[in-house]
């Protein structure tokens, strides 16, 4: 394989980037810290520490990104958070 072919293959790989999206969780006055932490562990597969940190960020900043990835991977997770009564969106 010539060096020109290798460069072309690398260029093709770079062109196939997957666009990254994020689930943004918004603060509310309804759900408890413990409920949100459990939801993030169950739905987003966070560790306890990750879920606690995200919950604190949401509380003090009003919103925080809690999961990133391809849109198709995030869609069902965001729906589950919404079904639990949390306020979330994919951006």
PDB file of N, CA and C in Angstrom:
ATOM      1  N   UNK A   1       0.862  -1.179   0.000  1.00  0.00           N
ATOM      2  CA  UNK A   1       0.000   0.000   0.000  1.00  0.00           C
ATOM      3  C   UNK A   1       0.906   1.239   0.000  1.00  0.00           C
ATOM      4  N   UNK A   2       0.645   2.140  -0.905  1.00  0.00           N
ATOM      5  CA  UNK A   2       1.471   3.339  -0.984  1.00  0.00           C
ATOM      6  C   UNK A   2       1.079   4.327   0.105  1.00  0.00           C
ATOM      7  N   UNK A   3       1.965   5.289   0.351  1.00  0.00           N
ATOM      8  CA  UNK A   3       1.682   6.288   1.390  1.00  0.00           C
ATOM      9  C   UNK A   3       0.496   7.159   0.988  1.00  0.00           C
ATOM     10  N   UNK A   4       0.264   7.357  -0.305  1.00  0.00           N
ATOM     11  CA  UNK A   4      -0.876   8.142  -0.767  1.00  0.00           C
ATOM     12  C   UNK A   4      -2.190   7.436  -0.410  1.00  0.00           C
ATOM     13  N   UNK A   5      -2.239   6.109  -0.550  1.00  0.00           N
ATOM     14  CA  UNK A   5      -3.440   5.351  -0.201  1.00  0.00           C
ATOM     15  C   UNK A   5      -3.700   5.407   1.294  1.00  0.00           C
ATOM     16  N   UNK A   6      -2.623   5.346   2.105  1.00  0.00           N
ATOM     17  CA  UNK A   6      -2.775   5.419   3.560  1.00  0.00           C
ATOM     18  C   UNK A   6      -3.360   6.761   3.979  1.00  0.00           C
ATOM     19  N   UNK A   7      -2.880   7.821   3.374  1.00  0.00           N
ATOM     20  CA  UNK A   7      -3.389   9.158   3.703  1.00  0.00           C
ATOM     21  C   UNK A   7      -4.861   9.267   3.332  1.00  0.00           C
ATOM     22  N   UNK A   8      -5.239   8.714   2.178  1.00  0.00           N
ATOM     23  CA  UNK A   8      -6.637   8.755   1.748  1.00  0.00           C
ATOM     24  C   UNK A   8      -7.519   7.997   2.736  1.00  0.00           C
ATOM     25  N   UNK A   9      -7.055   6.817   3.210  1.00  0.00           N
ATOM     26  CA  UNK A   9      -7.830   6.037   4.174  1.00  0.00           C
ATOM     27  C   UNK A   9      -8.015   6.822   5.467  1.00  0.00           C
ATOM     28  N   UNK A  10      -6.973   7.488   5.929  1.00  0.00           N
ATOM     29  CA  UNK A  10      -7.079   8.282   7.147  1.00  0.00           C
ATOM     30  C   UNK A  10      -8.062   9.425   6.956  1.00  0.00           C
ATOM     31  N   UNK A  11      -8.047  10.047   5.788  1.00  0.00           N
ATOM     32  CA  UNK A  11      -8.987  11.128   5.492  1.00  0.00           C
ATOM     33  C   UNK A  11     -10.417  10.631   5.491  1.00  0.00           C
ATOM     34  N   UNK A  12     -10.643   9.430   4.951  1.00  0.00           N
ATOM     35  CA  UNK A  12     -11.984   8.852   4.935  1.00  0.00           C
ATOM     36  C   UNK A  12     -12.491   8.604   6.344  1.00  0.00           C
ATOM     37  N   UNK A  13     -11.627   8.145   7.219  1.00  0.00           N
ATOM     38  CA  UNK A  13     -12.008   7.882   8.606  1.00  0.00           C
ATOM     39  C   UNK A  13     -12.389   9.186   9.310  1.00  0.00           C
ATOM     40  N   UNK A  14     -11.617  10.240   9.084  1.00  0.00           N
ATOM     41  CA  UNK A  14     -11.900  11.523   9.725  1.00  0.00           C
ATOM     42  C   UNK A  14     -13.216  12.112   9.230  1.00  0.00           C
ATOM     43  N   UNK A  15     -13.585  11.838   7.983  1.00  0.00           N
ATOM     44  CA  UNK A  15     -14.831  12.363   7.431  1.00  0.00           C
ATOM     45  C   UNK A  15     -16.059  11.716   8.057  1.00  0.00           C
ATOM     46  N   UNK A  16     -15.906  10.563   8.695  1.00  0.00           N
ATOM     47  CA  UNK A  16     -17.032   9.828   9.248  1.00  0.00           C
ATOM     48  C   UNK A  16     -17.232  10.106  10.739  1.00  0.00           C
ATOM     49  N   UNK A  17     -16.916  11.292  11.189  1.00  0.00           N
ATOM     50  CA  UNK A  17     -17.121  11.653  12.585  1.00  0.00           C
ATOM     51  C   UNK A  17     -18.605  11.598  12.933  1.00  0.00           C
ATOM     52  N   UNK A  18     -18.889  11.118  14.132  1.00  0.00           N
ATOM     53  CA  UNK A  18     -20.264  11.082  14.610  1.00  0.00           C
ATOM     54  C   UNK A  18     -20.510  12.378  15.366  1.00  0.00           C
ATOM     55  N   UNK A  19     -21.588  13.064  15.019  1.00  0.00           N
ATOM     56  CA  UNK A  19     -21.910  14.312  15.693  1.00  0.00           C
ATOM     57  C   UNK A  19     -22.328  14.012  17.127  1.00  0.00           C
ATOM     58  N   UNK A  20     -21.714  14.691  18.062  1.00  0.00           N
ATOM     59  CA  UNK A  20     -21.982  14.470  19.480  1.00  0.00           C
ATOM     60  C   UNK A  20     -23.107  15.379  19.965  1.00  0.00           C
ATOM     61  N   UNK A  21     -23.987  14.826  20.748  1.00  0.00           N
ATOM     62  CA  UNK A  21     -25.073  15.555  21.386  1.00  0.00           C
ATOM     63  C   UNK A  21     -24.962  15.340  22.884  1.00  0.00           C
ATOM     64  N   UNK A  22     -25.723  16.098  23.641  1.00  0.00           N
ATOM     65  CA  UNK A  22     -25.706  15.979  25.097  1.00  0.00           C
ATOM     66  C   UNK A  22     -27.117  15.979  25.647  1.00  0.00           C
ATOM     67  N   UNK A  23     -27.317  15.226  26.726  1.00  0.00           N
ATOM     68  CA  UNK A  23     -28.550  15.346  27.494  1.00  0.00           C
ATOM     69  C   UNK A  23     -28.287  16.412  28.543  1.00  0.00           C
ATOM     70  N   UNK A  24     -29.109  17.446  28.530  1.00  0.00           N
ATOM     71  CA  UNK A  24     -29.009  18.517  29.519  1.00  0.00           C
ATOM     72  C   UNK A  24     -30.170  18.346  30.498  1.00  0.00           C
ATOM     73  N   UNK A  25     -29.829  18.236  31.761  1.00  0.00           N
ATOM     74  CA  UNK A  25     -30.823  18.094  32.823  1.00  0.00           C
ATOM     75  C   UNK A  25     -31.039  19.453  33.464  1.00  0.00           C
ATOM     76  N   UNK A  26     -32.311  19.836  33.633  1.00  0.00           N
ATOM     77  CA  UNK A  26     -32.656  21.136  34.205  1.00  0.00           C
ATOM     78  C   UNK A  26     -33.116  20.980  35.652  1.00  0.00           C
ATOM     79  N   UNK A  27     -32.851  21.993  36.442  1.00  0.00           N
ATOM     80  CA  UNK A  27     -33.259  22.006  37.845  1.00  0.00           C
ATOM     81  C   UNK A  27     -34.777  22.150  37.955  1.00  0.00           C
ATOM     82  N   UNK A  28     -35.334  21.566  39.001  1.00  0.00           N
ATOM     83  CA  UNK A  28     -36.747  21.766  39.308  1.00  0.00           C
ATOM     84  C   UNK A  28     -36.914  21.815  40.824  1.00  0.00           C
ATOM     85  N   UNK A  29     -38.064  22.211  41.259  1.00  0.00           N
ATOM     86  CA  UNK A  29     -38.335  22.307  42.690  1.00  0.00           C
ATOM     87  C   UNK A  29     -39.151  21.122  43.192  1.00  0.00           C
ATOM     88  N   UNK A  30     -39.236  20.063  42.405  1.00  0.00           N
ATOM     89  CA  UNK A  30     -40.110  18.942  42.717  1.00  0.00           C
ATOM     90  C   UNK A  30     -39.335  17.718  43.193  1.00  0.00           C
ATOM     91  N   UNK A  31     -38.321  17.324  42.444  1.00  0.00           N
ATOM     92  CA  UNK A  31     -37.616  16.071  42.707  1.00  0.00           C
ATOM     93  C   UNK A  31     -36.505  16.248  43.746  1.00  0.00           C
ATOM     94  N   UNK A  32     -36.332  15.230  44.564  1.00  0.00           N
ATOM     95  CA  UNK A  32     -35.306  15.273  45.609  1.00  0.00           C
ATOM     96  C   UNK A  32     -33.938  14.929  45.020  1.00  0.00           C
ATOM     97  N   UNK A  33     -32.893  15.290  45.754  1.00  0.00           N
ATOM     98  CA  UNK A  33     -31.537  14.950  45.340  1.00  0.00           C
ATOM     99  C   UNK A  33     -31.408  13.435  45.173  1.00  0.00           C
ATOM    100  N   UNK A  34     -31.904  12.689  46.145  1.00  0.00           N
ATOM    101  CA  UNK A  34     -31.782  11.232  46.100  1.00  0.00           C
ATOM    102  C   UNK A  34     -32.477  10.641  44.882  1.00  0.00           C
ATOM    103  N   UNK A  35     -33.639  11.165  44.534  1.00  0.00           N
ATOM    104  CA  UNK A  35     -34.376  10.665  43.372  1.00  0.00           C
ATOM    105  C   UNK A  35     -33.593  10.923  42.090  1.00  0.00           C
ATOM    106  N   UNK A  36     -33.054  12.131  41.951  1.00  0.00           N
ATOM    107  CA  UNK A  36     -32.300  12.484  40.746  1.00  0.00           C
ATOM    108  C   UNK A  36     -31.021  11.646  40.663  1.00  0.00           C
ATOM    109  N   UNK A  37     -30.357  11.461  41.774  1.00  0.00           N
ATOM    110  CA  UNK A  37     -29.142  10.638  41.799  1.00  0.00           C
ATOM    111  C   UNK A  37     -29.455   9.215  41.346  1.00  0.00           C
ATOM    112  N   UNK A  38     -30.507   8.637  41.887  1.00  0.00           N
ATOM    113  CA  UNK A  38     -30.897   7.276  41.489  1.00  0.00           C
ATOM    114  C   UNK A  38     -31.261   7.203  40.010  1.00  0.00           C
ATOM    115  N   UNK A  39     -31.940   8.236  39.509  1.00  0.00           N
ATOM    116  CA  UNK A  39     -32.315   8.262  38.094  1.00  0.00           C
ATOM    117  C   UNK A  39     -31.072   8.306  37.204  1.00  0.00           C
ATOM    118  N   UNK A  40     -30.097   9.114  37.565  1.00  0.00           N
ATOM    119  CA  UNK A  40     -28.873   9.210  36.763  1.00  0.00           C
ATOM    120  C   UNK A  40     -28.084   7.908  36.792  1.00  0.00           C
ATOM    121  N   UNK A  41     -28.090   7.234  37.921  1.00  0.00           N
ATOM    122  CA  UNK A  41     -27.406   5.940  38.014  1.00  0.00           C
ATOM    123  C   UNK A  41     -28.109   4.912  37.131  1.00  0.00           C
ATOM    124  N   UNK A  42     -29.428   4.869  37.216  1.00  0.00           N
ATOM    125  CA  UNK A  42     -30.193   3.873  36.454  1.00  0.00           C
ATOM    126  C   UNK A  42     -30.231   4.176  34.960  1.00  0.00           C
ATOM    127  N   UNK A  43     -30.527   5.394  34.610  1.00  0.00           N
ATOM    128  CA  UNK A  43     -30.760   5.735  33.199  1.00  0.00           C
ATOM    129  C   UNK A  43     -29.463   6.044  32.447  1.00  0.00           C
ATOM    130  N   UNK A  44     -28.582   6.808  33.062  1.00  0.00           N
ATOM    131  CA  UNK A  44     -27.356   7.238  32.383  1.00  0.00           C
ATOM    132  C   UNK A  44     -26.138   6.392  32.728  1.00  0.00           C
ATOM    133  N   UNK A  45     -26.337   5.401  33.587  1.00  0.00           N
ATOM    134  CA  UNK A  45     -25.265   4.502  34.009  1.00  0.00           C
ATOM    135  C   UNK A  45     -24.106   5.246  34.676  1.00  0.00           C
ATOM    136  N   UNK A  46     -24.441   6.260  35.466  1.00  0.00           N
ATOM    137  CA  UNK A  46     -23.434   6.995  36.224  1.00  0.00           C
ATOM    138  C   UNK A  46     -23.015   6.191  37.451  1.00  0.00           C
ATOM    139  N   UNK A  47     -21.818   6.485  37.931  1.00  0.00           N
ATOM    140  CA  UNK A  47     -21.428   5.983  39.244  1.00  0.00           C
ATOM    141  C   UNK A  47     -22.106   6.874  40.274  1.00  0.00           C
ATOM    142  N   UNK A  48     -22.085   6.473  41.523  1.00  0.00           N
ATOM    143  CA  UNK A  48     -22.689   7.287  42.580  1.00  0.00           C
ATOM    144  C   UNK A  48     -22.049   8.671  42.624  1.00  0.00           C
ATOM    145  N   UNK A  49     -20.745   8.731  42.524  1.00  0.00           N
ATOM    146  CA  UNK A  49     -20.044  10.031  42.587  1.00  0.00           C
ATOM    147  C   UNK A  49     -20.425  10.912  41.401  1.00  0.00           C
ATOM    148  N   UNK A  50     -20.453  10.340  40.194  1.00  0.00           N
ATOM    149  CA  UNK A  50     -20.841  11.111  39.010  1.00  0.00           C
ATOM    150  C   UNK A  50     -22.253  11.670  39.169  1.00  0.00           C
ATOM    151  N   UNK A  51     -23.163  10.823  39.617  1.00  0.00           N
ATOM    152  CA  UNK A  51     -24.555  11.243  39.765  1.00  0.00           C
ATOM    153  C   UNK A  51     -24.682  12.344  40.809  1.00  0.00           C
ATOM    154  N   UNK A  52     -23.968  12.223  41.915  1.00  0.00           N
ATOM    155  CA  UNK A  52     -24.002  13.261  42.955  1.00  0.00           C
ATOM    156  C   UNK A  52     -23.463  14.578  42.419  1.00  0.00           C
ATOM    157  N   UNK A  53     -22.347  14.526  41.697  1.00  0.00           N
ATOM    158  CA  UNK A  53     -21.745  15.754  41.155  1.00  0.00           C
ATOM    159  C   UNK A  53     -22.666  16.421  40.139  1.00  0.00           C
ATOM    160  N   UNK A  54     -23.271  15.633  39.259  1.00  0.00           N
ATOM    161  CA  UNK A  54     -24.201  16.201  38.276  1.00  0.00           C
ATOM    162  C   UNK A  54     -25.402  16.838  38.964  1.00  0.00           C
ATOM    163  N   UNK A  55     -25.909  16.177  39.990  1.00  0.00           N
ATOM    164  CA  UNK A  55     -27.068  16.700  40.717  1.00  0.00           C
ATOM    165  C   UNK A  55     -26.739  18.023  41.385  1.00  0.00           C
ATOM    166  N   UNK A  56     -25.561  18.129  41.958  1.00  0.00           N
ATOM    167  CA  UNK A  56     -25.143  19.387  42.590  1.00  0.00           C
ATOM    168  C   UNK A  56     -24.995  20.490  41.541  1.00  0.00           C
ATOM    169  N   UNK A  57     -24.406  20.165  40.392  1.00  0.00           N
ATOM    170  CA  UNK A  57     -24.270  21.153  39.320  1.00  0.00           C
ATOM    171  C   UNK A  57     -25.637  21.635  38.840  1.00  0.00           C
ATOM    172  N   UNK A  58     -26.557  20.716  38.652  1.00  0.00           N
ATOM    173  CA  UNK A  58     -27.903  21.083  38.208  1.00  0.00           C
ATOM    174  C   UNK A  58     -28.555  21.997  39.240  1.00  0.00           C
ATOM    175  N   UNK A  59     -28.399  21.668  40.505  1.00  0.00           N
ATOM    176  CA  UNK A  59     -29.025  22.456  41.566  1.00  0.00           C
ATOM    177  C   UNK A  59     -28.491  23.887  41.603  1.00  0.00           C
ATOM    178  N   UNK A  60     -27.179  24.041  41.528  1.00  0.00           N
ATOM    179  CA  UNK A  60     -26.589  25.373  41.676  1.00  0.00           C
ATOM    180  C   UNK A  60     -26.491  26.173  40.388  1.00  0.00           C
ATOM    181  N   UNK A  61     -26.381  25.508  39.248  1.00  0.00           N
ATOM    182  CA  UNK A  61     -26.249  26.229  37.984  1.00  0.00           C
ATOM    183  C   UNK A  61     -27.554  26.276  37.193  1.00  0.00           C
ATOM    184  N   UNK A  62     -28.545  25.495  37.600  1.00  0.00           N
ATOM    185  CA  UNK A  62     -29.819  25.495  36.899  1.00  0.00           C
ATOM    186  C   UNK A  62     -29.941  24.417  35.842  1.00  0.00           C
ATOM    187  N   UNK A  63     -28.808  23.965  35.328  1.00  0.00           N
ATOM    188  CA  UNK A  63     -28.801  22.883  34.348  1.00  0.00           C
ATOM    189  C   UNK A  63     -27.377  22.364  34.221  1.00  0.00           C
ATOM    190  N   UNK A  64     -27.261  21.145  33.692  1.00  0.00           N
ATOM    191  CA  UNK A  64     -25.940  20.565  33.463  1.00  0.00           C
ATOM    192  C   UNK A  64     -26.054  19.438  32.443  1.00  0.00           C
ATOM    193  N   UNK A  65     -24.994  19.250  31.686  1.00  0.00           N
ATOM    194  CA  UNK A  65     -24.913  18.135  30.762  1.00  0.00           C
ATOM    195  C   UNK A  65     -24.630  16.869  31.567  1.00  0.00           C
ATOM    196  N   UNK A  66     -25.463  15.838  31.374  1.00  0.00           N
ATOM    197  CA  UNK A  66     -25.312  14.623  32.166  1.00  0.00           C
ATOM    198  C   UNK A  66     -24.897  13.405  31.344  1.00  0.00           C
ATOM    199  N   UNK A  67     -24.975  13.502  30.017  1.00  0.00           N
ATOM    200  CA  UNK A  67     -24.579  12.378  29.160  1.00  0.00           C
ATOM    201  C   UNK A  67     -24.326  12.908  27.768  1.00  0.00           C
ATOM    202  N   UNK A  68     -23.278  12.420  27.103  1.00  0.00           N
ATOM    203  CA  UNK A  68     -23.017  12.827  25.720  1.00  0.00           C
ATOM    204  C   UNK A  68     -22.876  11.594  24.847  1.00  0.00           C
ATOM    205  N   UNK A  69     -23.121  11.794  23.555  1.00  0.00           N
ATOM    206  CA  UNK A  69     -23.023  10.690  22.602  1.00  0.00           C
ATOM    207  C   UNK A  69     -23.819  10.988  21.351  1.00  0.00           C
ATOM    208  N   UNK A  70     -24.013   9.967  20.555  1.00  0.00           N
ATOM    209  CA  UNK A  70     -24.795  10.098  19.324  1.00  0.00           C
ATOM    210  C   UNK A  70     -26.274  10.261  19.685  1.00  0.00           C
ATOM    211  N   UNK A  71     -26.990  10.997  18.862  1.00  0.00           N
ATOM    212  CA  UNK A  71     -28.397  11.295  19.141  1.00  0.00           C
ATOM    213  C   UNK A  71     -29.225  10.033  19.367  1.00  0.00           C
ATOM    214  N   UNK A  72     -29.028   9.036  18.519  1.00  0.00           N
ATOM    215  CA  UNK A  72     -29.813   7.800  18.630  1.00  0.00           C
ATOM    216  C   UNK A  72     -29.584   7.084  19.954  1.00  0.00           C
ATOM    217  N   UNK A  73     -28.378   7.199  20.500  1.00  0.00           N
ATOM    218  CA  UNK A  73     -28.069   6.570  21.780  1.00  0.00           C
ATOM    219  C   UNK A  73     -28.693   7.340  22.944  1.00  0.00           C
ATOM    220  N   UNK A  74     -28.846   8.636  22.784  1.00  0.00           N
ATOM    221  CA  UNK A  74     -29.345   9.479  23.872  1.00  0.00           C
ATOM    222  C   UNK A  74     -30.864   9.583  23.906  1.00  0.00           C
ATOM    223  N   UNK A  75     -31.498   9.351  22.783  1.00  0.00           N
ATOM    224  CA  UNK A  75     -32.944   9.567  22.674  1.00  0.00           C
ATOM    225  C   UNK A  75     -33.724   8.757  23.708  1.00  0.00           C
ATOM    226  N   UNK A  76     -33.445   7.481  23.833  1.00  0.00           N
ATOM    227  CA  UNK A  76     -34.195   6.643  24.780  1.00  0.00           C
ATOM    228  C   UNK A  76     -33.856   7.005  26.228  1.00  0.00           C
ATOM    229  N   UNK A  77     -32.614   7.363  26.480  1.00  0.00           N
ATOM    230  CA  UNK A  77     -32.224   7.763  27.841  1.00  0.00           C
ATOM    231  C   UNK A  77     -32.955   9.040  28.253  1.00  0.00           C
ATOM    232  N   UNK A  78     -33.022  10.003  27.347  1.00  0.00           N
ATOM    233  CA  UNK A  78     -33.712  11.253  27.644  1.00  0.00           C
ATOM    234  C   UNK A  78     -35.197  10.995  27.872  1.00  0.00           C
ATOM    235  N   UNK A  79     -35.780  10.131  27.074  1.00  0.00           N
ATOM    236  CA  UNK A  79     -37.198   9.791  27.248  1.00  0.00           C
ATOM    237  C   UNK A  79     -37.450   9.166  28.620  1.00  0.00           C
ATOM    238  N   UNK A  80     -36.544   8.316  29.062  1.00  0.00           N
ATOM    239  CA  UNK A  80     -36.691   7.689  30.382  1.00  0.00           C
ATOM    240  C   UNK A  80     -36.621   8.737  31.493  1.00  0.00           C
ATOM    241  N   UNK A  81     -35.699   9.704  31.347  1.00  0.00           N
ATOM    242  CA  UNK A  81     -35.607  10.775  32.348  1.00  0.00           C
ATOM    243  C   UNK A  81     -36.899  11.587  32.378  1.00  0.00           C
ATOM    244  N   UNK A  82     -37.437  11.873  31.197  1.00  0.00           N
ATOM    245  CA  UNK A  82     -38.699  12.624  31.122  1.00  0.00           C
ATOM    246  C   UNK A  82     -39.844  11.831  31.737  1.00  0.00           C
ATOM    247  N   UNK A  83     -39.874  10.513  31.484  1.00  0.00           N
ATOM    248  CA  UNK A  83     -40.917   9.658  32.053  1.00  0.00           C
ATOM    249  C   UNK A  83     -40.850   9.624  33.586  1.00  0.00           C
ATOM    250  N   UNK A  84     -39.661   9.827  34.122  1.00  0.00           N
ATOM    251  CA  UNK A  84     -39.496   9.859  35.579  1.00  0.00           C
ATOM    252  C   UNK A  84     -39.894  11.216  36.182  1.00  0.00           C
ATOM    253  N   UNK A  85     -40.240  12.164  35.318  1.00  0.00           N
ATOM    254  CA  UNK A  85     -40.655  13.475  35.795  1.00  0.00           C
ATOM    255  C   UNK A  85     -39.536  14.490  35.881  1.00  0.00           C
ATOM    256  N   UNK A  86     -38.396  14.161  35.299  1.00  0.00           N
ATOM    257  CA  UNK A  86     -37.279  15.115  35.279  1.00  0.00           C
ATOM    258  C   UNK A  86     -37.382  15.973  34.028  1.00  0.00           C
ATOM    259  N   UNK A  87     -36.757  17.125  34.070  1.00  0.00           N
ATOM    260  CA  UNK A  87     -36.761  18.037  32.941  1.00  0.00           C
ATOM    261  C   UNK A  87     -35.434  17.909  32.215  1.00  0.00           C
ATOM    262  N   UNK A  88     -35.467  17.346  30.999  1.00  0.00           N
ATOM    263  CA  UNK A  88     -34.244  17.103  30.247  1.00  0.00           C
ATOM    264  C   UNK A  88     -34.487  17.355  28.769  1.00  0.00           C
ATOM    265  N   UNK A  89     -33.405  17.623  28.064  1.00  0.00           N
ATOM    266  CA  UNK A  89     -33.462  17.822  26.618  1.00  0.00           C
ATOM    267  C   UNK A  89     -32.162  17.370  25.994  1.00  0.00           C
ATOM    268  N   UNK A  90     -32.215  17.077  24.714  1.00  0.00           N
ATOM    269  CA  UNK A  90     -31.000  16.735  23.956  1.00  0.00           C
ATOM    270  C   UNK A  90     -30.604  17.958  23.146  1.00  0.00           C
ATOM    271  N   UNK A  91     -29.343  18.351  23.278  1.00  0.00           N
ATOM    272  CA  UNK A  91     -28.819  19.480  22.507  1.00  0.00           C
ATOM    273  C   UNK A  91     -27.614  19.040  21.714  1.00  0.00           C
TER     274      UNK A  91
END
